[in-house]
Amino acid sequence: MDLGVEKYSSYQARTKAVKQKGEELSVKRSRQKLKQEAYLKKSEEQRKLSKLQTEQYLKEILHITSIFDRELRFSVNRELGEVVVKVIDSRTDKVIKEIPPEDIVKLHSRMKEVIGLLFDKKI
């Protein structure tokens, strides 16, 4: 009978320990979730601020380039998801410089194509 009581006590102790562990894990998960939510909220605020800053910087850049008879044209290469900037002479409408250079954009596009042929999906 003595062994039965010891086994029961041991079982209770293990059950209590498992329950405490579960509560600790639950608390950890809750903290992690709160941290993630705070991070996402902060990221959203930073993106909004970043968008406003970007618009302001672009206005200033366009103003400065107009002083030098230059124009900047921004476009997005949807295939690559990259911004392409062209510096254009306002008088002749000729492209002076392209950032990134067109050749590099084409090379990058072709490399992505080849990789797509070799591999079905990203892991």
Protein backbone atom coordinates (compact mmCIF):
# COMPACT_ATOMS: atom_id res chain seq x y z
CA MET A 1 0.00 0.00 0.00
CA ASP A 2 2.89 2.30 0.74
CA LEU A 3 4.13 1.91 -2.85
CA GLY A 4 0.71 2.87 -4.21
CA VAL A 5 0.72 6.14 -2.26
CA GLU A 6 4.23 6.94 -3.46
CA LYS A 7 3.26 6.22 -7.08
CA TYR A 8 0.17 8.41 -6.74
CA SER A 9 2.21 11.22 -5.19
CA SER A 10 4.80 10.89 -7.93
CA TYR A 11 2.02 10.96 -10.55
CA GLN A 12 0.53 14.10 -8.97
CA ALA A 13 3.94 15.78 -8.91
CA ARG A 14 4.54 14.95 -12.57
CA THR A 15 1.06 16.13 -13.53
CA LYS A 16 1.61 19.39 -11.67
CA ALA A 17 5.00 19.85 -13.34
CA VAL A 18 3.50 19.20 -16.80
CA LYS A 19 0.67 21.66 -16.08
CA GLN A 20 3.17 24.33 -14.97
CA LYS A 21 5.27 23.71 -18.08
CA GLY A 22 2.16 24.10 -20.22
CA GLU A 23 1.29 27.37 -18.52
CA GLU A 24 4.86 28.61 -18.98
CA LEU A 25 4.71 27.75 -22.68
CA SER A 26 1.36 29.49 -22.96
CA VAL A 27 2.80 32.62 -21.34
CA LYS A 28 5.84 32.49 -23.65
CA ARG A 29 3.60 32.14 -26.71
CA SER A 30 1.46 35.06 -25.55
CA ARG A 31 4.56 37.21 -25.07
CA GLN A 32 5.86 36.22 -28.50
CA LYS A 33 2.52 37.06 -30.09
CA LEU A 34 2.48 40.47 -28.39
CA LYS A 35 6.03 41.14 -29.58
CA GLN A 36 5.09 40.14 -33.14
CA GLU A 37 2.03 42.40 -33.10
CA ALA A 38 4.11 45.30 -31.77
CA TYR A 39 6.74 44.67 -34.46
CA LEU A 40 4.11 44.59 -37.22
CA LYS A 41 2.51 47.80 -35.94
CA LYS A 42 5.92 49.49 -35.78
CA SER A 43 6.76 48.24 -39.28
CA GLU A 44 3.50 49.67 -40.61
CA GLU A 45 4.24 53.05 -39.02
CA GLN A 46 7.78 53.01 -40.41
CA ARG A 47 6.46 52.20 -43.89
CA LYS A 48 4.05 55.14 -43.72
CA LEU A 49 6.81 57.42 -42.52
CA SER A 50 9.17 56.01 -45.11
CA LYS A 51 6.63 56.63 -47.88
CA LEU A 52 6.20 60.25 -46.80
CA GLN A 53 9.97 60.72 -46.56
CA THR A 54 10.46 59.12 -49.96
CA GLU A 55 7.91 61.42 -51.58
CA GLN A 56 9.60 64.45 -50.00
CA TYR A 57 13.06 63.31 -51.15
CA LEU A 58 11.80 62.72 -54.67
CA LYS A 59 10.29 66.21 -54.84
CA GLU A 60 13.61 67.72 -53.74
CA ILE A 61 15.60 65.59 -56.19
CA LEU A 62 13.30 66.51 -59.08
CA HIS A 63 13.60 70.20 -58.20
CA ILE A 64 17.39 70.02 -58.06
CA THR A 65 17.70 68.08 -61.33
CA SER A 66 15.45 70.59 -63.12
CA ILE A 67 17.99 73.30 -62.30
CA PHE A 68 20.59 71.38 -64.34
CA ASP A 69 18.25 70.74 -67.30
CA ARG A 70 17.93 67.13 -66.27
CA GLU A 71 14.86 65.06 -65.67
CA LEU A 72 14.48 61.85 -63.70
CA ARG A 73 11.99 59.23 -64.81
CA PHE A 74 11.13 56.46 -62.43
CA SER A 75 9.61 53.19 -63.51
CA VAL A 76 9.16 49.77 -62.00
CA ASN A 77 10.33 46.66 -63.79
CA ARG A 78 7.40 44.45 -62.78
CA GLU A 79 9.15 41.29 -63.90
CA LEU A 80 12.00 41.88 -61.46
CA GLY A 81 10.21 44.08 -58.95
CA GLU A 82 12.93 46.73 -59.15
CA VAL A 83 12.83 50.47 -59.59
CA VAL A 84 14.57 51.79 -62.69
CA VAL A 85 15.67 55.43 -62.82
CA LYS A 86 16.53 57.19 -66.06
CA VAL A 87 18.41 60.49 -66.13
CA ILE A 88 17.27 62.40 -69.20
CA ASP A 89 18.49 65.60 -70.82
CA SER A 90 15.47 67.93 -70.79
CA ARG A 91 16.48 69.69 -74.01
CA THR A 92 17.14 66.66 -76.21
CA ASP A 93 14.98 64.08 -74.39
CA LYS A 94 17.94 61.70 -74.62
CA VAL A 95 18.72 59.15 -71.89
CA ILE A 96 22.01 60.11 -70.23
CA LYS A 97 22.12 57.33 -67.68
CA GLU A 98 19.95 54.47 -66.54
CA ILE A 99 20.12 53.03 -63.03
CA PRO A 100 20.47 50.05 -62.94
CA PRO A 101 21.88 49.81 -66.46
CA GLU A 102 19.55 48.17 -68.96
CA ASP A 103 22.05 45.37 -69.67
CA ILE A 104 22.17 44.41 -66.01
CA VAL A 105 18.37 44.40 -65.80
CA LYS A 106 18.17 42.12 -68.88
CA LEU A 107 20.87 39.82 -67.48
CA HIS A 108 19.10 39.63 -64.13
CA SER A 109 15.83 38.82 -65.87
CA ARG A 110 17.42 36.05 -67.94
CA MET A 111 19.13 34.56 -64.88
CA LYS A 112 15.80 34.42 -63.06
CA GLU A 113 14.29 32.74 -66.12
CA VAL A 114 17.03 30.09 -66.21
CA ILE A 115 16.72 29.46 -62.49
CA GLY A 116 12.97 29.10 -62.98
CA LEU A 117 13.58 26.45 -65.64
CA LEU A 118 15.98 24.55 -63.38
CA PHE A 119 13.89 24.68 -60.21
CA ASP A 120 10.14 24.39 -59.88
CA LYS A 121 9.75 26.28 -56.62
CA LYS A 122 11.59 28.18 -53.90
CA ILE A 123 12.17 26.40 -50.61
